[in-house]
């Protein structure tokens, strides 16, 4: 991951890249949170799909950033991971 962050830091010097990243940062963070939580529990996408009732292909699209899940879907994922969904303004 260190290589990724070094690469990202370098790319952020490009104003066009930085704007695109900033415009989608919440989506990137969301996909990384789902992926990280699933990996921490050593679950496959199929196992998470069984726990949540969400198709494995939809979980894959969420983790790849190809789909932005609804709050209801995020809540199912959270419960499938034994967690609670918390949304707040800071």
PDB file of N, CA and C in Angstrom:
ATOM      1  N   UNK A   1       0.813  -1.196   0.000  1.00  0.00           N
ATOM      2  CA  UNK A   1       0.000   0.000   0.000  1.00  0.00           C
ATOM      3  C   UNK A   1       0.857   1.261   0.000  1.00  0.00           C
ATOM      4  N   UNK A   2       2.071   1.156   0.515  1.00  0.00           N
ATOM      5  CA  UNK A   2       2.947   2.326   0.529  1.00  0.00           C
ATOM      6  C   UNK A   2       3.197   2.836  -0.890  1.00  0.00           C
ATOM      7  N   UNK A   3       3.369   1.901  -1.843  1.00  0.00           N
ATOM      8  CA  UNK A   3       3.583   2.304  -3.234  1.00  0.00           C
ATOM      9  C   UNK A   3       2.374   3.071  -3.766  1.00  0.00           C
ATOM     10  N   UNK A   4       1.192   2.601  -3.405  1.00  0.00           N
ATOM     11  CA  UNK A   4      -0.023   3.279  -3.855  1.00  0.00           C
ATOM     12  C   UNK A   4      -0.063   4.706  -3.323  1.00  0.00           C
ATOM     13  N   UNK A   5       0.231   4.877  -2.043  1.00  0.00           N
ATOM     14  CA  UNK A   5       0.159   6.218  -1.459  1.00  0.00           C
ATOM     15  C   UNK A   5       1.234   7.140  -2.017  1.00  0.00           C
ATOM     16  N   UNK A   6       2.392   6.591  -2.317  1.00  0.00           N
ATOM     17  CA  UNK A   6       3.433   7.400  -2.968  1.00  0.00           C
ATOM     18  C   UNK A   6       2.966   7.828  -4.361  1.00  0.00           C
ATOM     19  N   UNK A   7       2.392   6.887  -5.088  1.00  0.00           N
ATOM     20  CA  UNK A   7       1.869   7.185  -6.424  1.00  0.00           C
ATOM     21  C   UNK A   7       0.759   8.233  -6.335  1.00  0.00           C
ATOM     22  N   UNK A   8      -0.155   8.052  -5.393  1.00  0.00           N
ATOM     23  CA  UNK A   8      -1.257   8.989  -5.221  1.00  0.00           C
ATOM     24  C   UNK A   8      -0.734  10.382  -4.891  1.00  0.00           C
ATOM     25  N   UNK A   9       0.235  10.459  -3.999  1.00  0.00           N
ATOM     26  CA  UNK A   9       0.808  11.756  -3.626  1.00  0.00           C
ATOM     27  C   UNK A   9       1.382  12.465  -4.853  1.00  0.00           C
ATOM     28  N   UNK A  10       2.049  11.716  -5.699  1.00  0.00           N
ATOM     29  CA  UNK A  10       2.625  12.284  -6.917  1.00  0.00           C
ATOM     30  C   UNK A  10       1.521  12.750  -7.872  1.00  0.00           C
ATOM     31  N   UNK A  11       0.497  11.943  -8.030  1.00  0.00           N
ATOM     32  CA  UNK A  11      -0.604  12.280  -8.928  1.00  0.00           C
ATOM     33  C   UNK A  11      -1.390  13.502  -8.449  1.00  0.00           C
ATOM     34  N   UNK A  12      -1.449  13.685  -7.148  1.00  0.00           N
ATOM     35  CA  UNK A  12      -2.203  14.808  -6.583  1.00  0.00           C
ATOM     36  C   UNK A  12      -1.595  16.158  -6.960  1.00  0.00           C
ATOM     37  N   UNK A  13      -0.382  16.151  -7.465  1.00  0.00           N
ATOM     38  CA  UNK A  13       0.254  17.389  -7.929  1.00  0.00           C
ATOM     39  C   UNK A  13      -0.392  17.881  -9.232  1.00  0.00           C
ATOM     40  N   UNK A  14      -1.057  16.979  -9.930  1.00  0.00           N
ATOM     41  CA  UNK A  14      -1.749  17.329 -11.170  1.00  0.00           C
ATOM     42  C   UNK A  14      -3.129  17.888 -10.805  1.00  0.00           C
ATOM     43  N   UNK A  15      -3.403  19.152 -11.103  1.00  0.00           N
ATOM     44  CA  UNK A  15      -4.679  19.762 -10.690  1.00  0.00           C
ATOM     45  C   UNK A  15      -5.914  19.032 -11.223  1.00  0.00           C
ATOM     46  N   UNK A  16      -5.847  18.516 -12.438  1.00  0.00           N
ATOM     47  CA  UNK A  16      -6.993  17.789 -12.999  1.00  0.00           C
ATOM     48  C   UNK A  16      -7.241  16.488 -12.240  1.00  0.00           C
ATOM     49  N   UNK A  17      -6.166  15.770 -11.937  1.00  0.00           N
ATOM     50  CA  UNK A  17      -6.295  14.524 -11.172  1.00  0.00           C
ATOM     51  C   UNK A  17      -6.839  14.828  -9.782  1.00  0.00           C
ATOM     52  N   UNK A  18      -6.283  15.858  -9.138  1.00  0.00           N
ATOM     53  CA  UNK A  18      -6.713  16.202  -7.780  1.00  0.00           C
ATOM     54  C   UNK A  18      -8.194  16.555  -7.744  1.00  0.00           C
ATOM     55  N   UNK A  19      -8.657  17.313  -8.723  1.00  0.00           N
ATOM     56  CA  UNK A  19     -10.074  17.677  -8.766  1.00  0.00           C
ATOM     57  C   UNK A  19     -10.939  16.425  -8.908  1.00  0.00           C
ATOM     58  N   UNK A  20     -10.554  15.532  -9.805  1.00  0.00           N
ATOM     59  CA  UNK A  20     -11.317  14.296 -10.013  1.00  0.00           C
ATOM     60  C   UNK A  20     -11.327  13.454  -8.736  1.00  0.00           C
ATOM     61  N   UNK A  21     -10.171  13.345  -8.087  1.00  0.00           N
ATOM     62  CA  UNK A  21     -10.079  12.587  -6.833  1.00  0.00           C
ATOM     63  C   UNK A  21     -10.983  13.217  -5.765  1.00  0.00           C
ATOM     64  N   UNK A  22     -10.874  14.527  -5.614  1.00  0.00           N
ATOM     65  CA  UNK A  22     -11.666  15.220  -4.604  1.00  0.00           C
ATOM     66  C   UNK A  22     -13.168  15.070  -4.859  1.00  0.00           C
ATOM     67  N   UNK A  23     -13.556  15.099  -6.132  1.00  0.00           N
ATOM     68  CA  UNK A  23     -14.967  14.968  -6.482  1.00  0.00           C
ATOM     69  C   UNK A  23     -15.528  13.597  -6.111  1.00  0.00           C
ATOM     70  N   UNK A  24     -14.666  12.586  -6.040  1.00  0.00           N
ATOM     71  CA  UNK A  24     -15.115  11.213  -5.789  1.00  0.00           C
ATOM     72  C   UNK A  24     -14.534  10.602  -4.513  1.00  0.00           C
ATOM     73  N   UNK A  25     -13.920  11.421  -3.688  1.00  0.00           N
ATOM     74  CA  UNK A  25     -13.241  10.900  -2.500  1.00  0.00           C
ATOM     75  C   UNK A  25     -14.163  10.091  -1.582  1.00  0.00           C
ATOM     76  N   UNK A  26     -15.365  10.552  -1.353  1.00  0.00           N
ATOM     77  CA  UNK A  26     -16.281   9.817  -0.475  1.00  0.00           C
ATOM     78  C   UNK A  26     -16.593   8.436  -1.035  1.00  0.00           C
ATOM     79  N   UNK A  27     -16.754   8.347  -2.343  1.00  0.00           N
ATOM     80  CA  UNK A  27     -17.010   7.053  -2.969  1.00  0.00           C
ATOM     81  C   UNK A  27     -15.803   6.124  -2.794  1.00  0.00           C
ATOM     82  N   UNK A  28     -14.593   6.661  -2.969  1.00  0.00           N
ATOM     83  CA  UNK A  28     -13.388   5.855  -2.785  1.00  0.00           C
ATOM     84  C   UNK A  28     -13.283   5.366  -1.344  1.00  0.00           C
ATOM     85  N   UNK A  29     -13.550   6.259  -0.407  1.00  0.00           N
ATOM     86  CA  UNK A  29     -13.470   5.867   1.003  1.00  0.00           C
ATOM     87  C   UNK A  29     -14.499   4.794   1.337  1.00  0.00           C
ATOM     88  N   UNK A  30     -15.699   4.934   0.795  1.00  0.00           N
ATOM     89  CA  UNK A  30     -16.756   3.962   1.030  1.00  0.00           C
ATOM     90  C   UNK A  30     -16.359   2.588   0.504  1.00  0.00           C
ATOM     91  N   UNK A  31     -15.868   2.532  -0.721  1.00  0.00           N
ATOM     92  CA  UNK A  31     -15.494   1.232  -1.282  1.00  0.00           C
ATOM     93  C   UNK A  31     -14.346   0.604  -0.491  1.00  0.00           C
ATOM     94  N   UNK A  32     -13.412   1.415  -0.031  1.00  0.00           N
ATOM     95  CA  UNK A  32     -12.296   0.879   0.750  1.00  0.00           C
ATOM     96  C   UNK A  32     -12.768   0.386   2.123  1.00  0.00           C
ATOM     97  N   UNK A  33     -13.751   1.060   2.723  1.00  0.00           N
ATOM     98  CA  UNK A  33     -14.270   0.617   4.020  1.00  0.00           C
ATOM     99  C   UNK A  33     -14.944  -0.747   3.903  1.00  0.00           C
ATOM    100  N   UNK A  34     -15.743  -0.936   2.852  1.00  0.00           N
ATOM    101  CA  UNK A  34     -16.419  -2.223   2.653  1.00  0.00           C
ATOM    102  C   UNK A  34     -15.382  -3.321   2.420  1.00  0.00           C
ATOM    103  N   UNK A  35     -14.442  -3.061   1.531  1.00  0.00           N
ATOM    104  CA  UNK A  35     -13.404  -4.038   1.222  1.00  0.00           C
ATOM    105  C   UNK A  35     -12.569  -4.389   2.443  1.00  0.00           C
ATOM    106  N   UNK A  36     -12.158  -3.379   3.184  1.00  0.00           N
ATOM    107  CA  UNK A  36     -11.328  -3.591   4.374  1.00  0.00           C
ATOM    108  C   UNK A  36     -12.087  -4.393   5.437  1.00  0.00           C
ATOM    109  N   UNK A  37     -13.337  -4.033   5.695  1.00  0.00           N
ATOM    110  CA  UNK A  37     -14.121  -4.735   6.715  1.00  0.00           C
ATOM    111  C   UNK A  37     -14.324  -6.193   6.333  1.00  0.00           C
ATOM    112  N   UNK A  38     -14.584  -6.458   5.052  1.00  0.00           N
ATOM    113  CA  UNK A  38     -14.767  -7.841   4.605  1.00  0.00           C
ATOM    114  C   UNK A  38     -13.468  -8.626   4.744  1.00  0.00           C
ATOM    115  N   UNK A  39     -12.362  -8.026   4.335  1.00  0.00           N
ATOM    116  CA  UNK A  39     -11.063  -8.714   4.417  1.00  0.00           C
ATOM    117  C   UNK A  39     -10.630  -8.955   5.860  1.00  0.00           C
ATOM    118  N   UNK A  40     -10.931  -8.024   6.749  1.00  0.00           N
ATOM    119  CA  UNK A  40     -10.577  -8.201   8.158  1.00  0.00           C
ATOM    120  C   UNK A  40     -11.265  -9.426   8.755  1.00  0.00           C
ATOM    121  N   UNK A  41     -12.427  -9.766   8.225  1.00  0.00           N
ATOM    122  CA  UNK A  41     -13.164 -10.927   8.725  1.00  0.00           C
ATOM    123  C   UNK A  41     -12.892 -12.172   7.882  1.00  0.00           C
ATOM    124  N   UNK A  42     -11.960 -12.045   6.946  1.00  0.00           N
ATOM    125  CA  UNK A  42     -11.562 -13.165   6.086  1.00  0.00           C
ATOM    126  C   UNK A  42     -12.760 -13.767   5.358  1.00  0.00           C
ATOM    127  N   UNK A  43     -13.639 -12.896   4.882  1.00  0.00           N
ATOM    128  CA  UNK A  43     -14.818 -13.334   4.148  1.00  0.00           C
ATOM    129  C   UNK A  43     -14.598 -13.154   2.655  1.00  0.00           C
ATOM    130  N   UNK A  44     -15.121 -14.071   1.878  1.00  0.00           N
ATOM    131  CA  UNK A  44     -15.145 -13.878   0.437  1.00  0.00           C
ATOM    132  C   UNK A  44     -16.360 -13.019   0.104  1.00  0.00           C
ATOM    133  N   UNK A  45     -16.382 -12.517  -1.101  1.00  0.00           N
ATOM    134  CA  UNK A  45     -17.565 -11.767  -1.529  1.00  0.00           C
ATOM    135  C   UNK A  45     -18.789 -12.669  -1.506  1.00  0.00           C
ATOM    136  N   UNK A  46     -18.619 -13.918  -1.868  1.00  0.00           N
ATOM    137  CA  UNK A  46     -19.743 -14.870  -1.865  1.00  0.00           C
ATOM    138  C   UNK A  46     -20.280 -15.086  -0.457  1.00  0.00           C
ATOM    139  N   UNK A  47     -19.383 -15.182   0.511  1.00  0.00           N
ATOM    140  CA  UNK A  47     -19.817 -15.366   1.899  1.00  0.00           C
ATOM    141  C   UNK A  47     -20.575 -14.145   2.405  1.00  0.00           C
ATOM    142  N   UNK A  48     -20.084 -12.964   2.050  1.00  0.00           N
ATOM    143  CA  UNK A  48     -20.783 -11.743   2.443  1.00  0.00           C
ATOM    144  C   UNK A  48     -22.140 -11.671   1.744  1.00  0.00           C
ATOM    145  N   UNK A  49     -22.180 -12.104   0.504  1.00  0.00           N
ATOM    146  CA  UNK A  49     -23.444 -12.122  -0.236  1.00  0.00           C
ATOM    147  C   UNK A  49     -24.469 -13.016   0.461  1.00  0.00           C
ATOM    148  N   UNK A  50     -24.034 -14.182   0.925  1.00  0.00           N
ATOM    149  CA  UNK A  50     -24.935 -15.092   1.643  1.00  0.00           C
ATOM    150  C   UNK A  50     -25.458 -14.455   2.923  1.00  0.00           C
ATOM    151  N   UNK A  51     -24.595 -13.762   3.620  1.00  0.00           N
ATOM    152  CA  UNK A  51     -24.996 -13.125   4.886  1.00  0.00           C
ATOM    153  C   UNK A  51     -25.962 -11.961   4.683  1.00  0.00           C
ATOM    154  N   UNK A  52     -25.859 -11.292   3.532  1.00  0.00           N
ATOM    155  CA  UNK A  52     -26.607 -10.052   3.340  1.00  0.00           C
ATOM    156  C   UNK A  52     -27.812 -10.186   2.413  1.00  0.00           C
ATOM    157  N   UNK A  53     -27.799 -11.204   1.583  1.00  0.00           N
ATOM    158  CA  UNK A  53     -28.844 -11.318   0.571  1.00  0.00           C
ATOM    159  C   UNK A  53     -28.580 -10.436  -0.641  1.00  0.00           C
ATOM    160  N   UNK A  54     -27.388  -9.876  -0.712  1.00  0.00           N
ATOM    161  CA  UNK A  54     -26.972  -9.047  -1.844  1.00  0.00           C
ATOM    162  C   UNK A  54     -26.176  -9.942  -2.785  1.00  0.00           C
ATOM    163  N   UNK A  55     -26.423  -9.830  -4.067  1.00  0.00           N
ATOM    164  CA  UNK A  55     -25.681 -10.665  -5.013  1.00  0.00           C
ATOM    165  C   UNK A  55     -24.187 -10.369  -4.944  1.00  0.00           C
ATOM    166  N   UNK A  56     -23.386 -11.411  -5.125  1.00  0.00           N
ATOM    167  CA  UNK A  56     -21.928 -11.278  -5.098  1.00  0.00           C
ATOM    168  C   UNK A  56     -21.467 -10.275  -6.145  1.00  0.00           C
ATOM    169  N   UNK A  57     -22.084 -10.282  -7.305  1.00  0.00           N
ATOM    170  CA  UNK A  57     -21.687  -9.349  -8.367  1.00  0.00           C
ATOM    171  C   UNK A  57     -21.915  -7.900  -7.950  1.00  0.00           C
ATOM    172  N   UNK A  58     -22.958  -7.650  -7.152  1.00  0.00           N
ATOM    173  CA  UNK A  58     -23.197  -6.279  -6.666  1.00  0.00           C
ATOM    174  C   UNK A  58     -22.151  -5.880  -5.636  1.00  0.00           C
ATOM    175  N   UNK A  59     -21.769  -6.808  -4.775  1.00  0.00           N
ATOM    176  CA  UNK A  59     -20.712  -6.522  -3.804  1.00  0.00           C
ATOM    177  C   UNK A  59     -19.412  -6.208  -4.539  1.00  0.00           C
ATOM    178  N   UNK A  60     -19.115  -6.972  -5.571  1.00  0.00           N
ATOM    179  CA  UNK A  60     -17.920  -6.726  -6.371  1.00  0.00           C
ATOM    180  C   UNK A  60     -17.938  -5.328  -6.981  1.00  0.00           C
ATOM    181  N   UNK A  61     -19.072  -4.929  -7.538  1.00  0.00           N
ATOM    182  CA  UNK A  61     -19.168  -3.593  -8.146  1.00  0.00           C
ATOM    183  C   UNK A  61     -18.992  -2.496  -7.100  1.00  0.00           C
ATOM    184  N   UNK A  62     -19.519  -2.696  -5.911  1.00  0.00           N
ATOM    185  CA  UNK A  62     -19.356  -1.715  -4.836  1.00  0.00           C
ATOM    186  C   UNK A  62     -17.879  -1.591  -4.472  1.00  0.00           C
ATOM    187  N   UNK A  63     -17.203  -2.738  -4.313  1.00  0.00           N
ATOM    188  CA  UNK A  63     -15.791  -2.722  -3.916  1.00  0.00           C
ATOM    189  C   UNK A  63     -14.883  -2.172  -5.008  1.00  0.00           C
ATOM    190  N   UNK A  64     -15.307  -2.246  -6.251  1.00  0.00           N
ATOM    191  CA  UNK A  64     -14.517  -1.702  -7.362  1.00  0.00           C
ATOM    192  C   UNK A  64     -14.837  -0.235  -7.624  1.00  0.00           C
ATOM    193  N   UNK A  65     -15.840   0.291  -6.919  1.00  0.00           N
ATOM    194  CA  UNK A  65     -16.232   1.676  -7.135  1.00  0.00           C
ATOM    195  C   UNK A  65     -17.070   1.864  -8.383  1.00  0.00           C
ATOM    196  N   UNK A  66     -17.638   0.776  -8.891  1.00  0.00           N
ATOM    197  CA  UNK A  66     -18.454   0.846 -10.096  1.00  0.00           C
ATOM    198  C   UNK A  66     -19.929   1.065  -9.784  1.00  0.00           C
ATOM    199  N   UNK A  67     -20.282   0.997  -8.512  1.00  0.00           N
ATOM    200  CA  UNK A  67     -21.667   1.164  -8.100  1.00  0.00           C
ATOM    201  C   UNK A  67     -21.693   1.874  -6.756  1.00  0.00           C
ATOM    202  N   UNK A  68     -22.567   2.837  -6.644  1.00  0.00           N
ATOM    203  CA  UNK A  68     -22.734   3.549  -5.380  1.00  0.00           C
ATOM    204  C   UNK A  68     -23.968   2.975  -4.682  1.00  0.00           C
ATOM    205  N   UNK A  69     -23.775   2.274  -3.561  1.00  0.00           N
ATOM    206  CA  UNK A  69     -24.901   1.590  -2.913  1.00  0.00           C
ATOM    207  C   UNK A  69     -25.842   2.556  -2.202  1.00  0.00           C
ATOM    208  N   UNK A  70     -27.091   2.121  -2.096  1.00  0.00           N
ATOM    209  CA  UNK A  70     -28.073   2.889  -1.334  1.00  0.00           C
ATOM    210  C   UNK A  70     -27.784   2.734   0.159  1.00  0.00           C
ATOM    211  N   UNK A  71     -28.425   3.546   0.951  1.00  0.00           N
ATOM    212  CA  UNK A  71     -28.275   3.435   2.403  1.00  0.00           C
ATOM    213  C   UNK A  71     -28.799   2.077   2.876  1.00  0.00           C
ATOM    214  N   UNK A  72     -29.879   1.607   2.279  1.00  0.00           N
ATOM    215  CA  UNK A  72     -30.432   0.301   2.657  1.00  0.00           C
ATOM    216  C   UNK A  72     -29.426  -0.813   2.365  1.00  0.00           C
ATOM    217  N   UNK A  73     -28.747  -0.735   1.231  1.00  0.00           N
ATOM    218  CA  UNK A  73     -27.734  -1.738   0.889  1.00  0.00           C
ATOM    219  C   UNK A  73     -26.553  -1.654   1.846  1.00  0.00           C
ATOM    220  N   UNK A  74     -26.120  -0.449   2.155  1.00  0.00           N
ATOM    221  CA  UNK A  74     -25.021  -0.285   3.117  1.00  0.00           C
ATOM    222  C   UNK A  74     -25.409  -0.857   4.479  1.00  0.00           C
ATOM    223  N   UNK A  75     -26.647  -0.674   4.863  1.00  0.00           N
ATOM    224  CA  UNK A  75     -27.111  -1.206   6.143  1.00  0.00           C
ATOM    225  C   UNK A  75     -27.067  -2.735   6.133  1.00  0.00           C
ATOM    226  N   UNK A  76     -27.471  -3.360   5.024  1.00  0.00           N
ATOM    227  CA  UNK A  76     -27.391  -4.824   4.910  1.00  0.00           C
ATOM    228  C   UNK A  76     -25.946  -5.300   5.002  1.00  0.00           C
ATOM    229  N   UNK A  77     -25.048  -4.584   4.346  1.00  0.00           N
ATOM    230  CA  UNK A  77     -23.629  -4.948   4.389  1.00  0.00           C
ATOM    231  C   UNK A  77     -23.102  -4.817   5.815  1.00  0.00           C
ATOM    232  N   UNK A  78     -23.429  -3.725   6.456  1.00  0.00           N
ATOM    233  CA  UNK A  78     -22.986  -3.516   7.843  1.00  0.00           C
ATOM    234  C   UNK A  78     -23.459  -4.663   8.729  1.00  0.00           C
ATOM    235  N   UNK A  79     -24.730  -5.012   8.645  1.00  0.00           N
ATOM    236  CA  UNK A  79     -25.254  -6.095   9.479  1.00  0.00           C
ATOM    237  C   UNK A  79     -24.620  -7.423   9.116  1.00  0.00           C
ATOM    238  N   UNK A  80     -24.363  -7.650   7.838  1.00  0.00           N
ATOM    239  CA  UNK A  80     -23.693  -8.879   7.408  1.00  0.00           C
ATOM    240  C   UNK A  80     -22.282  -8.998   7.959  1.00  0.00           C
ATOM    241  N   UNK A  81     -21.690  -7.847   8.266  1.00  0.00           N
ATOM    242  CA  UNK A  81     -20.345  -7.813   8.846  1.00  0.00           C
ATOM    243  C   UNK A  81     -20.388  -7.726  10.370  1.00  0.00           C
ATOM    244  N   UNK A  82     -21.594  -7.797  10.937  1.00  0.00           N
ATOM    245  CA  UNK A  82     -21.732  -7.693  12.393  1.00  0.00           C
ATOM    246  C   UNK A  82     -21.496  -6.291  12.911  1.00  0.00           C
ATOM    247  N   UNK A  83     -21.766  -5.314  12.064  1.00  0.00           N
ATOM    248  CA  UNK A  83     -21.540  -3.914  12.438  1.00  0.00           C
ATOM    249  C   UNK A  83     -22.847  -3.138  12.297  1.00  0.00           C
ATOM    250  N   UNK A  84     -22.808  -1.892  12.745  1.00  0.00           N
ATOM    251  CA  UNK A  84     -23.928  -0.984  12.561  1.00  0.00           C
ATOM    252  C   UNK A  84     -23.490   0.117  11.623  1.00  0.00           C
ATOM    253  N   UNK A  85     -24.425   0.564  10.815  1.00  0.00           N
ATOM    254  CA  UNK A  85     -24.151   1.677   9.904  1.00  0.00           C
ATOM    255  C   UNK A  85     -24.384   2.981  10.661  1.00  0.00           C
ATOM    256  N   UNK A  86     -23.409   3.864  10.599  1.00  0.00           N
ATOM    257  CA  UNK A  86     -23.538   5.182  11.229  1.00  0.00           C
ATOM    258  C   UNK A  86     -23.225   6.227  10.175  1.00  0.00           C
ATOM    259  N   UNK A  87     -24.145   7.143   9.997  1.00  0.00           N
ATOM    260  CA  UNK A  87     -23.952   8.242   9.032  1.00  0.00           C
ATOM    261  C   UNK A  87     -24.090   9.537   9.811  1.00  0.00           C
ATOM    262  N   UNK A  88     -23.130  10.437   9.615  1.00  0.00           N
ATOM    263  CA  UNK A  88     -23.205  11.693  10.352  1.00  0.00           C
ATOM    264  C   UNK A  88     -22.551  12.818   9.574  1.00  0.00           C
ATOM    265  N   UNK A  89     -22.996  14.014   9.842  1.00  0.00           N
ATOM    266  CA  UNK A  89     -22.382  15.208   9.314  1.00  0.00           C
ATOM    267  C   UNK A  89     -21.367  15.706  10.337  1.00  0.00           C
ATOM    268  N   UNK A  90     -20.223  16.091   9.865  1.00  0.00           N
ATOM    269  CA  UNK A  90     -19.179  16.587  10.771  1.00  0.00           C
ATOM    270  C   UNK A  90     -18.851  18.019  10.398  1.00  0.00           C
TER     271      UNK A  90
END
